[in-house]
N, C-alpha and C. Protein backbone atom coordinates (compact mmCIF):
# COMPACT_ATOMS: atom_id res chain seq x y z
N MET A 1 5.76 -18.41 -5.79
CA MET A 1 6.49 -17.21 -6.15
C MET A 1 6.09 -16.02 -5.29
N ASN A 2 4.78 -15.85 -5.00
CA ASN A 2 4.35 -14.71 -4.20
C ASN A 2 4.97 -14.74 -2.81
N ASN A 3 5.23 -15.94 -2.26
CA ASN A 3 5.88 -16.03 -0.97
C ASN A 3 7.25 -15.38 -1.01
N ASP A 4 7.97 -15.51 -2.13
CA ASP A 4 9.26 -14.86 -2.29
C ASP A 4 9.12 -13.35 -2.21
N VAL A 5 8.06 -12.83 -2.80
CA VAL A 5 7.82 -11.39 -2.78
C VAL A 5 7.58 -10.92 -1.35
N PHE A 6 6.73 -11.61 -0.63
CA PHE A 6 6.45 -11.21 0.75
C PHE A 6 7.68 -11.34 1.63
N ARG A 7 8.49 -12.36 1.41
CA ARG A 7 9.74 -12.50 2.16
C ARG A 7 10.69 -11.34 1.86
N GLU A 8 10.78 -10.97 0.58
CA GLU A 8 11.65 -9.85 0.20
C GLU A 8 11.21 -8.56 0.88
N ILE A 9 9.93 -8.28 0.83
CA ILE A 9 9.42 -7.06 1.47
C ILE A 9 9.70 -7.09 2.97
N SER A 10 9.48 -8.23 3.60
CA SER A 10 9.61 -8.32 5.06
C SER A 10 11.04 -8.05 5.54
N THR A 11 12.04 -8.26 4.68
CA THR A 11 13.42 -7.99 5.09
C THR A 11 13.68 -6.51 5.29
N HIS A 12 12.78 -5.65 4.79
CA HIS A 12 12.97 -4.20 4.90
C HIS A 12 12.09 -3.57 5.98
N LEU A 13 11.31 -4.37 6.67
CA LEU A 13 10.39 -3.85 7.68
C LEU A 13 11.11 -3.59 9.00
N PRO A 14 10.64 -2.63 9.80
CA PRO A 14 9.48 -1.78 9.57
C PRO A 14 9.83 -0.63 8.62
N LEU A 15 8.80 -0.11 7.95
CA LEU A 15 8.93 1.04 7.06
C LEU A 15 8.20 2.22 7.70
N ALA A 16 8.90 3.30 7.92
CA ALA A 16 8.29 4.50 8.49
C ALA A 16 7.61 5.30 7.38
N VAL A 17 6.37 5.68 7.59
CA VAL A 17 5.62 6.48 6.62
C VAL A 17 5.93 7.95 6.91
N GLU A 18 6.64 8.60 5.97
CA GLU A 18 7.03 10.00 6.14
C GLU A 18 6.17 10.93 5.30
N ASP A 19 5.51 10.40 4.27
CA ASP A 19 4.61 11.21 3.44
C ASP A 19 3.49 10.30 2.96
N CYS A 20 2.29 10.86 2.90
CA CYS A 20 1.14 10.12 2.40
C CYS A 20 0.11 11.11 1.89
N HIS A 21 -0.29 10.94 0.64
CA HIS A 21 -1.33 11.81 0.08
C HIS A 21 -1.98 11.11 -1.11
N GLN A 22 -3.16 11.59 -1.44
CA GLN A 22 -3.89 11.08 -2.60
C GLN A 22 -4.03 12.22 -3.59
N ASP A 23 -3.63 11.97 -4.84
CA ASP A 23 -3.77 12.97 -5.89
C ASP A 23 -5.26 13.16 -6.16
N PRO A 24 -5.76 14.39 -6.05
CA PRO A 24 -7.20 14.62 -6.20
C PRO A 24 -7.72 14.40 -7.62
N GLU A 25 -6.86 14.50 -8.60
CA GLU A 25 -7.32 14.34 -9.99
C GLU A 25 -7.28 12.89 -10.45
N SER A 26 -6.24 12.16 -10.09
CA SER A 26 -6.11 10.78 -10.57
C SER A 26 -6.55 9.75 -9.52
N ASP A 27 -6.78 10.19 -8.30
CA ASP A 27 -7.10 9.30 -7.17
C ASP A 27 -5.94 8.37 -6.81
N THR A 28 -4.76 8.61 -7.36
CA THR A 28 -3.60 7.78 -7.04
C THR A 28 -3.14 8.09 -5.62
N LEU A 29 -2.87 7.04 -4.86
CA LEU A 29 -2.39 7.17 -3.49
C LEU A 29 -0.88 7.01 -3.48
N PHE A 30 -0.20 7.90 -2.76
CA PHE A 30 1.26 7.85 -2.65
C PHE A 30 1.65 7.76 -1.18
N LEU A 31 2.52 6.83 -0.85
CA LEU A 31 3.12 6.74 0.47
C LEU A 31 4.62 6.64 0.25
N SER A 32 5.39 7.21 1.17
CA SER A 32 6.84 7.09 1.03
C SER A 32 7.52 7.31 2.37
N GLY A 33 8.77 6.89 2.38
CA GLY A 33 9.64 7.08 3.53
C GLY A 33 11.07 7.02 3.04
N SER A 34 11.98 7.00 3.97
CA SER A 34 13.39 6.93 3.62
C SER A 34 13.67 5.62 2.87
N GLU A 35 14.08 5.72 1.64
CA GLU A 35 14.48 4.59 0.80
C GLU A 35 13.34 3.66 0.40
N TRP A 36 12.08 4.15 0.43
CA TRP A 36 10.98 3.34 -0.09
C TRP A 36 9.86 4.26 -0.56
N ARG A 37 9.03 3.73 -1.45
CA ARG A 37 7.85 4.48 -1.91
C ARG A 37 6.83 3.49 -2.46
N LEU A 38 5.57 3.90 -2.39
CA LEU A 38 4.47 3.09 -2.87
C LEU A 38 3.51 3.98 -3.64
N ARG A 39 3.14 3.53 -4.84
CA ARG A 39 2.13 4.22 -5.65
C ARG A 39 1.00 3.23 -5.90
N VAL A 40 -0.23 3.67 -5.60
CA VAL A 40 -1.40 2.81 -5.78
C VAL A 40 -2.37 3.52 -6.71
N SER A 41 -2.55 2.98 -7.92
CA SER A 41 -3.48 3.61 -8.86
C SER A 41 -4.84 2.91 -8.87
N GLY A 42 -4.93 1.80 -8.19
CA GLY A 42 -6.19 1.05 -8.13
C GLY A 42 -6.89 1.25 -6.80
N PRO A 43 -7.90 0.44 -6.54
CA PRO A 43 -8.66 0.56 -5.30
C PRO A 43 -7.80 0.25 -4.06
N TRP A 44 -8.12 0.94 -2.98
CA TRP A 44 -7.48 0.72 -1.69
C TRP A 44 -8.49 1.10 -0.61
N ARG A 45 -8.25 0.62 0.58
CA ARG A 45 -9.05 1.05 1.73
C ARG A 45 -8.20 0.98 2.98
N LEU A 46 -8.45 1.92 3.87
CA LEU A 46 -7.78 1.99 5.16
C LEU A 46 -8.79 1.55 6.21
N THR A 47 -8.45 0.51 6.96
CA THR A 47 -9.39 -0.03 7.94
C THR A 47 -8.78 -0.04 9.34
N THR A 48 -9.67 0.03 10.32
CA THR A 48 -9.32 -0.19 11.72
C THR A 48 -10.31 -1.19 12.26
N GLN A 49 -9.83 -2.32 12.72
CA GLN A 49 -10.68 -3.39 13.23
C GLN A 49 -11.82 -3.71 12.26
N ASN A 50 -11.46 -3.85 10.98
CA ASN A 50 -12.38 -4.20 9.90
C ASN A 50 -13.44 -3.15 9.59
N VAL A 51 -13.27 -1.93 10.10
CA VAL A 51 -14.16 -0.82 9.77
C VAL A 51 -13.42 0.09 8.80
N ILE A 52 -14.04 0.39 7.66
CA ILE A 52 -13.39 1.23 6.65
C ILE A 52 -13.38 2.69 7.11
N GLU A 53 -12.17 3.26 7.24
CA GLU A 53 -12.00 4.67 7.60
C GLU A 53 -11.98 5.55 6.36
N ALA A 54 -11.33 5.06 5.32
CA ALA A 54 -11.18 5.82 4.08
C ALA A 54 -10.91 4.83 2.96
N SER A 55 -11.22 5.25 1.73
CA SER A 55 -10.93 4.41 0.57
C SER A 55 -10.80 5.29 -0.65
N ARG A 56 -10.32 4.70 -1.72
CA ARG A 56 -10.20 5.45 -2.97
C ARG A 56 -11.56 5.96 -3.41
N ASP A 57 -12.59 5.22 -3.12
CA ASP A 57 -13.93 5.57 -3.58
C ASP A 57 -14.70 6.43 -2.59
N THR A 58 -14.10 6.76 -1.44
CA THR A 58 -14.74 7.65 -0.49
C THR A 58 -14.77 9.05 -1.08
N GLU A 59 -15.87 9.75 -0.88
CA GLU A 59 -15.97 11.12 -1.38
C GLU A 59 -14.81 11.95 -0.83
N ALA A 60 -14.18 12.70 -1.70
CA ALA A 60 -13.03 13.52 -1.31
C ALA A 60 -13.51 14.66 -0.41
N THR A 61 -13.20 14.55 0.86
CA THR A 61 -13.51 15.59 1.84
C THR A 61 -12.26 15.86 2.64
N SER A 62 -12.27 16.95 3.40
CA SER A 62 -11.10 17.23 4.23
C SER A 62 -10.94 16.16 5.31
N ASP A 63 -12.06 15.58 5.78
CA ASP A 63 -11.98 14.51 6.77
C ASP A 63 -11.29 13.28 6.19
N MET A 64 -11.65 12.91 4.96
CA MET A 64 -11.03 11.76 4.32
C MET A 64 -9.55 12.04 4.06
N ALA A 65 -9.24 13.24 3.59
CA ALA A 65 -7.84 13.59 3.34
C ALA A 65 -7.05 13.54 4.65
N GLY A 66 -7.67 13.96 5.73
CA GLY A 66 -7.01 13.91 7.04
C GLY A 66 -6.73 12.48 7.47
N LYS A 67 -7.64 11.58 7.18
CA LYS A 67 -7.42 10.17 7.53
C LYS A 67 -6.28 9.58 6.72
N VAL A 68 -6.17 9.98 5.46
CA VAL A 68 -5.05 9.53 4.63
C VAL A 68 -3.75 10.11 5.20
N ARG A 69 -3.74 11.41 5.48
CA ARG A 69 -2.53 12.05 6.01
C ARG A 69 -2.15 11.50 7.39
N SER A 70 -3.14 10.95 8.11
CA SER A 70 -2.85 10.43 9.46
C SER A 70 -1.91 9.23 9.42
N LEU A 71 -1.68 8.68 8.24
CA LEU A 71 -0.71 7.58 8.12
C LEU A 71 0.72 8.07 8.31
N VAL A 72 0.96 9.38 8.11
CA VAL A 72 2.30 9.93 8.32
C VAL A 72 2.65 9.73 9.80
N GLY A 73 3.81 9.18 10.03
CA GLY A 73 4.25 8.86 11.38
C GLY A 73 3.99 7.42 11.76
N SER A 74 3.21 6.72 10.94
CA SER A 74 2.94 5.30 11.19
C SER A 74 4.14 4.46 10.76
N GLN A 75 4.14 3.23 11.19
CA GLN A 75 5.14 2.27 10.75
C GLN A 75 4.44 1.05 10.18
N ILE A 76 4.89 0.64 8.99
CA ILE A 76 4.41 -0.60 8.39
C ILE A 76 5.24 -1.72 9.01
N VAL A 77 4.57 -2.63 9.72
CA VAL A 77 5.28 -3.68 10.44
C VAL A 77 5.09 -5.07 9.82
N ASP A 78 4.14 -5.18 8.89
CA ASP A 78 3.94 -6.47 8.23
C ASP A 78 3.27 -6.24 6.89
N VAL A 79 3.55 -7.11 5.95
CA VAL A 79 2.92 -7.10 4.63
C VAL A 79 2.41 -8.51 4.37
N GLN A 80 1.14 -8.60 4.01
CA GLN A 80 0.51 -9.89 3.79
C GLN A 80 -0.29 -9.85 2.49
N PRO A 81 -0.71 -11.01 2.01
CA PRO A 81 -1.67 -11.00 0.90
C PRO A 81 -2.91 -10.23 1.33
N GLN A 82 -3.56 -9.56 0.39
CA GLN A 82 -4.73 -8.74 0.72
C GLN A 82 -5.82 -9.58 1.39
N SER A 83 -5.98 -10.81 0.96
CA SER A 83 -6.92 -11.72 1.62
C SER A 83 -6.54 -13.15 1.24
N ARG A 84 -7.18 -14.11 1.85
CA ARG A 84 -6.86 -15.49 1.48
C ARG A 84 -7.36 -15.82 0.09
N PHE A 85 -8.28 -15.01 -0.42
CA PHE A 85 -8.79 -15.20 -1.78
C PHE A 85 -8.01 -14.40 -2.81
N ASN A 86 -7.33 -13.35 -2.36
CA ASN A 86 -6.59 -12.47 -3.26
C ASN A 86 -5.14 -12.41 -2.81
N THR A 87 -4.31 -13.27 -3.39
CA THR A 87 -2.89 -13.28 -3.04
C THR A 87 -2.06 -12.49 -4.04
N LEU A 88 -2.71 -11.79 -4.96
CA LEU A 88 -1.99 -11.00 -5.96
C LEU A 88 -1.77 -9.57 -5.51
N ASP A 89 -2.47 -9.15 -4.46
CA ASP A 89 -2.35 -7.79 -3.94
C ASP A 89 -1.95 -7.85 -2.47
N ILE A 90 -1.63 -6.69 -1.90
CA ILE A 90 -1.05 -6.66 -0.56
C ILE A 90 -1.92 -5.90 0.43
N ALA A 91 -1.70 -6.22 1.68
CA ALA A 91 -2.25 -5.48 2.81
C ALA A 91 -1.07 -5.07 3.68
N LEU A 92 -1.00 -3.78 4.00
CA LEU A 92 0.08 -3.25 4.83
C LEU A 92 -0.46 -3.07 6.24
N LEU A 93 0.15 -3.74 7.20
CA LEU A 93 -0.29 -3.67 8.59
C LEU A 93 0.55 -2.64 9.33
N MET A 94 -0.13 -1.67 9.94
CA MET A 94 0.54 -0.61 10.68
C MET A 94 0.72 -1.03 12.14
N ARG A 95 1.71 -0.45 12.78
CA ARG A 95 1.98 -0.75 14.19
C ARG A 95 0.76 -0.46 15.07
N ASP A 96 -0.03 0.57 14.70
CA ASP A 96 -1.19 0.95 15.52
C ASP A 96 -2.43 0.10 15.23
N GLY A 97 -2.31 -0.91 14.38
CA GLY A 97 -3.43 -1.80 14.11
C GLY A 97 -4.22 -1.50 12.85
N ARG A 98 -3.99 -0.33 12.27
CA ARG A 98 -4.68 -0.04 11.01
C ARG A 98 -4.10 -0.89 9.90
N VAL A 99 -4.92 -1.10 8.86
CA VAL A 99 -4.49 -1.90 7.71
C VAL A 99 -4.82 -1.13 6.44
N LEU A 100 -3.84 -0.99 5.56
CA LEU A 100 -4.06 -0.42 4.24
C LEU A 100 -4.14 -1.60 3.27
N GLU A 101 -5.34 -1.85 2.76
CA GLU A 101 -5.56 -2.95 1.82
C GLU A 101 -5.53 -2.41 0.40
N ILE A 102 -4.81 -3.09 -0.46
CA ILE A 102 -4.69 -2.70 -1.86
C ILE A 102 -5.20 -3.87 -2.69
N PHE A 103 -6.08 -3.57 -3.64
CA PHE A 103 -6.63 -4.65 -4.45
C PHE A 103 -6.89 -4.15 -5.86
N SER A 104 -6.71 -5.03 -6.82
CA SER A 104 -6.82 -4.69 -8.23
C SER A 104 -8.11 -5.25 -8.80
N ASP A 105 -8.97 -4.36 -9.27
CA ASP A 105 -10.20 -4.79 -9.95
C ASP A 105 -9.92 -5.18 -11.39
N TYR A 106 -8.99 -4.48 -12.00
CA TYR A 106 -8.66 -4.66 -13.41
C TYR A 106 -7.15 -4.72 -13.56
N ILE A 107 -6.68 -5.17 -14.69
CA ILE A 107 -5.24 -5.26 -14.94
C ILE A 107 -4.56 -3.89 -14.88
N TYR A 108 -5.32 -2.82 -15.15
CA TYR A 108 -4.75 -1.48 -15.14
C TYR A 108 -4.75 -0.86 -13.75
N ASP A 109 -5.40 -1.50 -12.78
CA ASP A 109 -5.37 -1.05 -11.39
C ASP A 109 -4.12 -1.63 -10.75
N ASN A 110 -3.01 -0.93 -10.88
CA ASN A 110 -1.78 -1.51 -10.38
C ASN A 110 -1.22 -0.71 -9.22
N TRP A 111 -0.20 -1.27 -8.62
CA TRP A 111 0.53 -0.61 -7.55
C TRP A 111 2.01 -0.93 -7.74
N LEU A 112 2.85 -0.06 -7.23
CA LEU A 112 4.29 -0.24 -7.36
C LEU A 112 4.94 0.10 -6.03
N LEU A 113 5.62 -0.87 -5.45
CA LEU A 113 6.37 -0.68 -4.21
C LEU A 113 7.84 -0.78 -4.54
N SER A 114 8.58 0.28 -4.24
CA SER A 114 10.03 0.29 -4.44
C SER A 114 10.68 0.36 -3.06
N VAL A 115 11.49 -0.63 -2.75
CA VAL A 115 12.15 -0.68 -1.44
C VAL A 115 13.45 -1.46 -1.57
N GLY A 116 14.51 -0.91 -0.98
CA GLY A 116 15.78 -1.62 -0.97
C GLY A 116 16.34 -1.97 -2.33
N GLY A 117 16.14 -1.11 -3.33
CA GLY A 117 16.65 -1.38 -4.66
C GLY A 117 15.82 -2.37 -5.46
N VAL A 118 14.67 -2.77 -4.93
CA VAL A 118 13.79 -3.71 -5.61
C VAL A 118 12.47 -3.01 -5.90
N ALA A 119 11.94 -3.21 -7.10
CA ALA A 119 10.63 -2.67 -7.47
C ALA A 119 9.68 -3.85 -7.63
N ILE A 120 8.57 -3.79 -6.90
CA ILE A 120 7.58 -4.87 -6.93
C ILE A 120 6.28 -4.27 -7.43
N GLU A 121 5.80 -4.80 -8.55
CA GLU A 121 4.58 -4.27 -9.16
C GLU A 121 3.45 -5.28 -9.00
N GLY A 122 2.31 -4.78 -8.64
CA GLY A 122 1.13 -5.64 -8.49
C GLY A 122 0.03 -5.20 -9.42
N PRO A 123 -0.88 -6.09 -9.74
CA PRO A 123 -1.01 -7.39 -9.11
C PRO A 123 0.24 -8.24 -9.31
N LEU A 124 0.60 -8.99 -8.26
CA LEU A 124 1.85 -9.74 -8.24
C LEU A 124 1.94 -10.75 -9.36
N GLN A 125 3.07 -10.67 -10.07
CA GLN A 125 3.37 -11.65 -11.10
C GLN A 125 4.80 -12.12 -10.97
N SER A 126 5.70 -11.17 -10.68
CA SER A 126 7.10 -11.55 -10.56
C SER A 126 7.84 -10.56 -9.68
N LEU A 127 9.00 -10.94 -9.25
CA LEU A 127 9.87 -10.11 -8.44
C LEU A 127 11.04 -9.72 -9.31
N GLY A 128 11.24 -8.41 -9.53
CA GLY A 128 12.33 -7.96 -10.38
C GLY A 128 13.18 -6.93 -9.68
N SER A 129 14.43 -6.85 -10.03
CA SER A 129 15.32 -5.87 -9.44
C SER A 129 15.31 -4.60 -10.25
N GLY A 130 15.67 -3.52 -9.57
CA GLY A 130 15.79 -2.24 -10.24
C GLY A 130 14.51 -1.46 -10.20
N GLY A 131 14.58 -0.17 -10.55
CA GLY A 131 13.41 0.69 -10.55
C GLY A 131 12.63 0.57 -11.83
N GLN A 132 11.34 0.80 -11.73
CA GLN A 132 10.49 0.78 -12.92
C GLN A 132 9.65 2.01 -12.95
């Protein structure tokens, strides 16, 4: 079933990142572009060549906020399972080689990707149509 989800997402790629910010009070990460949006309430990390640049748990500084904002102008060119051990969450691969990894520690650490009239909520369980 998860393969269906990744196939569905891939039909909408690439996705241009037009806005990206982290809410300072809830630590929720928001990314969006024309006709798509992503909300991440659980753990995430932004990596370059397997080096963590920023994460939900990184101390909130202007440098960290700048790294999050630096995703604006990027393009998401691939979506994969977060790891071979975690196929319930996603990793977003940017054209410039950076990777935004999203992973759920608990059932309440969820994410929601809305694209092309489809809303996909993780950790992945099912693919449903319409907004949630």
